[in-house]
Amino acid sequence: MLGELVPLALVVALSPVSIIPAVVLVLHTARPRPTGLAFMAGWLAGLAVLTIVFVQLPHRVDGLGRESPTWAPWVRIAVGVLLVALAVGRWVTRKRQTRPPAFLNRLSRIKPVGAGVIGFGLVVANPKVVVINAAAGLIIGTAAVGVGVWLAVAFYTALAGSTVIAPILAYLVAGERVEQRLEQGRAWMQREHATVTAAVLLIVGVLLAYTGIRAL
């Protein structure tokens, strides 16, 4: 189960929507430390809440006593095919020039409370993140029971949020000494994120479809 969660978490972790706002908040706001921490808390809370919702879905729909609903493999296959299609689309349009969302230019003026709300909102309002969390929740909900569910959710949330956690904690510890490295990482992600996203989506899509077919 954990092996299936790792590639899903990496899709979210390598998304520029994760990395770029986190770096902007720690580099360009008047209060980078509390603002960055608030964004991180909101982001992780969004991931955890969204995953838990989909963990509960199989049991709510198919009965509390069943661990593996008969329709679960078909959902995995459908999500896998969707991710492969998204990967192909992302690869085809990888050279298209894209501008960062306009709201990033206003993040320098944001306060900690607003940063937390934005962190949570970027998770629940992003269709790609919702699909990935749905797949992760379905895997956990049909493969884990008891305390294992919460451990799996914590594992997935920490890994998916690692690229938000890392720059913010690095700035807390090292301050201005890591500014140049953080800016270089942000620039690289903004430049190469299309290729990285396409590759990871393809891997995850094939993996989900394969495991779904095997479970039939």
Protein backbone atom coordinates (compact mmCIF):
# COMPACT_ATOMS: atom_id res chain seq x y z
CA MET A 1 0.00 0.00 0.00
CA LEU A 2 2.77 2.44 0.92
CA GLY A 3 4.49 1.67 -2.36
CA GLU A 4 1.35 2.75 -4.21
CA LEU A 5 1.06 5.93 -2.15
CA VAL A 6 4.62 7.13 -2.84
CA PRO A 7 4.17 8.02 -6.54
CA LEU A 8 0.81 9.65 -5.82
CA ALA A 9 2.38 11.80 -3.12
CA LEU A 10 5.22 12.76 -5.48
CA VAL A 11 2.76 14.10 -8.05
CA VAL A 12 1.47 16.55 -5.45
CA ALA A 13 4.91 17.27 -4.00
CA LEU A 14 6.43 18.12 -7.40
CA SER A 15 3.60 20.40 -8.42
CA PRO A 16 4.65 24.05 -8.81
CA VAL A 17 1.45 24.99 -6.99
CA SER A 18 3.06 23.41 -3.94
CA ILE A 19 6.59 24.74 -4.23
CA ILE A 20 6.31 28.23 -5.72
CA PRO A 21 3.87 29.75 -3.17
CA ALA A 22 5.85 28.26 -0.29
CA VAL A 23 9.10 29.78 -1.54
CA VAL A 24 7.49 33.14 -2.34
CA LEU A 25 6.04 33.30 1.18
CA VAL A 26 9.38 32.68 2.90
CA LEU A 27 11.35 35.01 0.63
CA HIS A 28 9.13 37.97 -0.11
CA THR A 29 6.74 38.58 2.77
CA ALA A 30 7.18 41.03 5.61
CA ARG A 31 6.85 38.19 8.19
CA PRO A 32 8.23 35.16 6.36
CA ARG A 33 8.44 32.76 9.31
CA PRO A 34 4.87 32.95 10.70
CA THR A 35 3.43 33.38 7.21
CA GLY A 36 5.32 30.37 5.88
CA LEU A 37 4.30 28.24 8.85
CA ALA A 38 0.65 29.24 8.43
CA PHE A 39 0.74 28.31 4.74
CA MET A 40 2.35 24.96 5.58
CA ALA A 41 -0.28 24.22 8.22
CA GLY A 42 -3.11 25.06 5.82
CA TRP A 43 -1.57 22.99 3.03
CA LEU A 44 -1.05 19.91 5.22
CA ALA A 45 -4.53 20.25 6.74
CA GLY A 46 -6.04 20.39 3.26
CA LEU A 47 -4.18 17.26 2.16
CA ALA A 48 -5.14 15.34 5.30
CA VAL A 49 -8.82 16.36 5.26
CA LEU A 50 -9.24 15.63 1.56
CA THR A 51 -7.56 12.24 1.87
CA ILE A 52 -9.65 11.26 4.91
CA VAL A 53 -12.85 12.15 3.05
CA PHE A 54 -11.95 9.70 0.28
CA VAL A 55 -10.74 7.09 2.78
CA GLN A 56 -14.24 7.01 4.23
CA LEU A 57 -16.02 6.98 0.87
CA PRO A 58 -15.77 3.22 0.10
CA HIS A 59 -17.22 2.31 3.50
CA ARG A 60 -19.99 4.89 3.30
CA VAL A 61 -21.02 3.75 -0.15
CA ASP A 62 -20.56 0.00 0.13
CA GLY A 63 -21.08 -0.75 3.80
CA LEU A 64 -18.93 -0.41 6.88
CA GLY A 65 -18.14 -4.09 7.11
CA ARG A 66 -16.52 -4.48 3.71
CA GLU A 67 -12.85 -3.70 3.25
CA SER A 68 -12.65 -4.07 -0.53
CA PRO A 69 -15.71 -2.91 -2.51
CA THR A 70 -16.21 -4.71 -5.81
CA TRP A 71 -16.18 -1.42 -7.71
CA ALA A 72 -12.85 -0.23 -6.24
CA PRO A 73 -10.65 -1.82 -8.97
CA TRP A 74 -12.70 -0.10 -11.67
CA VAL A 75 -12.24 3.25 -9.93
CA ARG A 76 -8.48 2.67 -9.83
CA ILE A 77 -8.47 1.83 -13.53
CA ALA A 78 -10.54 4.92 -14.36
CA VAL A 79 -8.29 7.21 -12.31
CA GLY A 80 -5.21 5.60 -13.87
CA VAL A 81 -6.51 6.17 -17.40
CA LEU A 82 -7.38 9.77 -16.49
CA LEU A 83 -3.87 10.41 -15.18
CA VAL A 84 -2.29 8.90 -18.30
CA ALA A 85 -4.45 11.21 -20.43
CA LEU A 86 -3.40 14.19 -18.30
CA ALA A 87 0.25 13.14 -18.68
CA VAL A 88 -0.06 13.01 -22.48
CA GLY A 89 -1.75 16.39 -22.53
CA ARG A 90 0.89 17.91 -20.27
CA TRP A 91 3.69 16.51 -22.43
CA VAL A 92 2.15 17.78 -25.67
CA THR A 93 1.81 21.29 -24.23
CA ARG A 94 5.11 21.26 -22.32
CA LYS A 95 6.68 23.99 -24.49
CA ARG A 96 3.74 26.31 -24.15
CA GLN A 97 4.66 29.46 -22.26
CA THR A 98 2.69 29.75 -19.04
CA ARG A 99 2.64 32.64 -16.65
CA PRO A 100 2.52 32.15 -12.89
CA PRO A 101 -0.94 32.75 -11.41
CA ALA A 102 -1.58 36.45 -10.84
CA PHE A 103 -2.22 35.95 -7.14
CA LEU A 104 1.46 35.02 -6.62
CA ASN A 105 2.36 38.66 -7.19
CA ARG A 106 0.16 39.62 -4.23
CA LEU A 107 1.47 37.03 -1.79
CA SER A 108 4.15 39.40 -0.50
CA ARG A 109 1.40 41.43 1.19
CA ILE A 110 -0.43 38.52 2.76
CA LYS A 111 -0.77 37.93 6.50
CA PRO A 112 -0.36 34.60 8.33
CA VAL A 113 -4.11 33.90 8.61
CA GLY A 114 -4.58 34.56 4.92
CA ALA A 115 -1.60 32.33 4.11
CA GLY A 116 -3.22 29.45 6.02
CA VAL A 117 -6.49 29.90 4.14
CA ILE A 118 -4.67 30.01 0.80
CA GLY A 119 -2.70 26.88 1.68
CA PHE A 120 -5.90 24.98 2.42
CA GLY A 121 -7.70 26.43 -0.60
CA LEU A 122 -4.94 25.53 -3.06
CA VAL A 123 -5.43 21.87 -2.12
CA VAL A 124 -9.22 21.60 -2.26
CA ALA A 125 -9.62 23.84 -5.33
CA ASN A 126 -6.99 22.14 -7.51
CA PRO A 127 -8.59 19.40 -9.67
CA LYS A 128 -5.31 17.50 -10.09
CA VAL A 129 -4.66 17.43 -6.35
CA VAL A 130 -8.25 16.35 -5.70
CA VAL A 131 -7.91 13.44 -8.15
CA ILE A 132 -4.59 12.34 -6.63
CA ASN A 133 -5.97 12.54 -3.10
CA ALA A 134 -9.04 10.61 -4.20
CA ALA A 135 -6.79 7.84 -5.50
CA ALA A 136 -4.71 7.86 -2.31
CA GLY A 137 -7.80 7.81 -0.11
CA LEU A 138 -9.28 4.92 -2.07
CA ILE A 139 -6.06 2.91 -1.74
CA ILE A 140 -5.89 3.54 2.01
CA GLY A 141 -9.60 2.95 2.56
CA THR A 142 -9.54 -0.44 0.85
CA ALA A 143 -6.17 -1.69 2.18
CA ALA A 144 -5.80 -0.44 5.77
CA VAL A 145 -7.86 -0.79 8.94
CA GLY A 146 -7.76 0.68 12.42
CA VAL A 147 -4.69 2.70 13.33
CA GLY A 148 -3.12 1.72 10.02
CA VAL A 149 -5.48 4.12 8.27
CA TRP A 150 -4.24 7.10 10.27
CA LEU A 151 -0.60 6.10 9.88
CA ALA A 152 -1.07 5.78 6.11
CA VAL A 153 -2.81 9.17 5.91
CA ALA A 154 0.00 10.74 7.96
CA PHE A 155 2.64 9.12 5.72
CA TYR A 156 0.95 10.29 2.53
CA THR A 157 0.33 13.81 3.87
CA ALA A 158 3.93 14.25 5.01
CA LEU A 159 5.37 13.03 1.71
CA ALA A 160 2.94 14.97 -0.46
CA GLY A 161 3.64 18.10 1.59
CA SER A 162 7.40 17.58 1.77
CA THR A 163 8.23 20.23 -0.84
CA VAL A 164 6.25 22.77 1.18
CA ILE A 165 7.68 21.62 4.50
CA ALA A 166 11.32 21.59 3.33
CA PRO A 167 11.79 25.22 2.16
CA ILE A 168 9.82 26.65 5.06
CA LEU A 169 11.72 24.69 7.71
CA ALA A 170 15.01 25.41 5.92
CA TYR A 171 14.29 29.13 6.15
CA LEU A 172 13.32 28.80 9.82
CA VAL A 173 16.66 27.16 10.57
CA ALA A 174 19.05 28.97 8.22
CA GLY A 175 17.23 32.19 7.39
CA GLU A 176 18.76 34.36 4.67
CA ARG A 177 21.59 31.87 4.07
CA VAL A 178 19.28 29.66 2.01
CA GLU A 179 17.53 32.41 0.05
CA GLN A 180 19.62 31.93 -3.09
CA ARG A 181 19.12 28.14 -3.13
CA LEU A 182 15.39 28.50 -2.59
CA GLU A 183 15.12 30.99 -5.43
CA GLN A 184 17.12 28.69 -7.72
CA GLY A 185 14.83 25.78 -6.85
CA ARG A 186 11.74 27.88 -7.54
CA ALA A 187 13.11 29.01 -10.91
CA TRP A 188 13.97 25.43 -11.93
CA MET A 189 10.54 24.13 -10.96
CA GLN A 190 8.81 26.92 -12.86
CA ARG A 191 10.95 26.14 -15.91
CA GLU A 192 10.79 22.31 -15.89
CA HIS A 193 7.56 21.51 -14.08
CA ALA A 194 5.69 20.48 -17.25
CA THR A 195 8.13 17.69 -18.07
CA VAL A 196 8.38 16.52 -14.47
CA THR A 197 4.61 16.56 -14.01
CA ALA A 198 4.00 14.62 -17.25
CA ALA A 199 6.50 11.92 -16.29
CA VAL A 200 5.14 11.45 -12.78
CA LEU A 201 1.51 11.47 -13.93
CA LEU A 202 2.31 8.80 -16.50
CA ILE A 203 4.03 6.55 -13.95
CA VAL A 204 1.23 6.91 -11.42
CA GLY A 205 -1.49 6.40 -14.03
CA VAL A 206 0.07 3.20 -15.33
CA LEU A 207 0.62 1.94 -11.78
CA LEU A 208 -2.99 2.58 -10.75
CA ALA A 209 -4.42 1.02 -13.88
CA TYR A 210 -2.18 -2.03 -13.46
CA THR A 211 -3.12 -2.58 -9.82
CA GLY A 212 -6.79 -2.12 -10.70
CA ILE A 213 -6.59 -4.73 -13.45
CA ARG A 214 -4.81 -7.15 -11.13
CA ALA A 215 -7.54 -6.75 -8.51
CA LEU A 216 -10.36 -7.67 -10.91
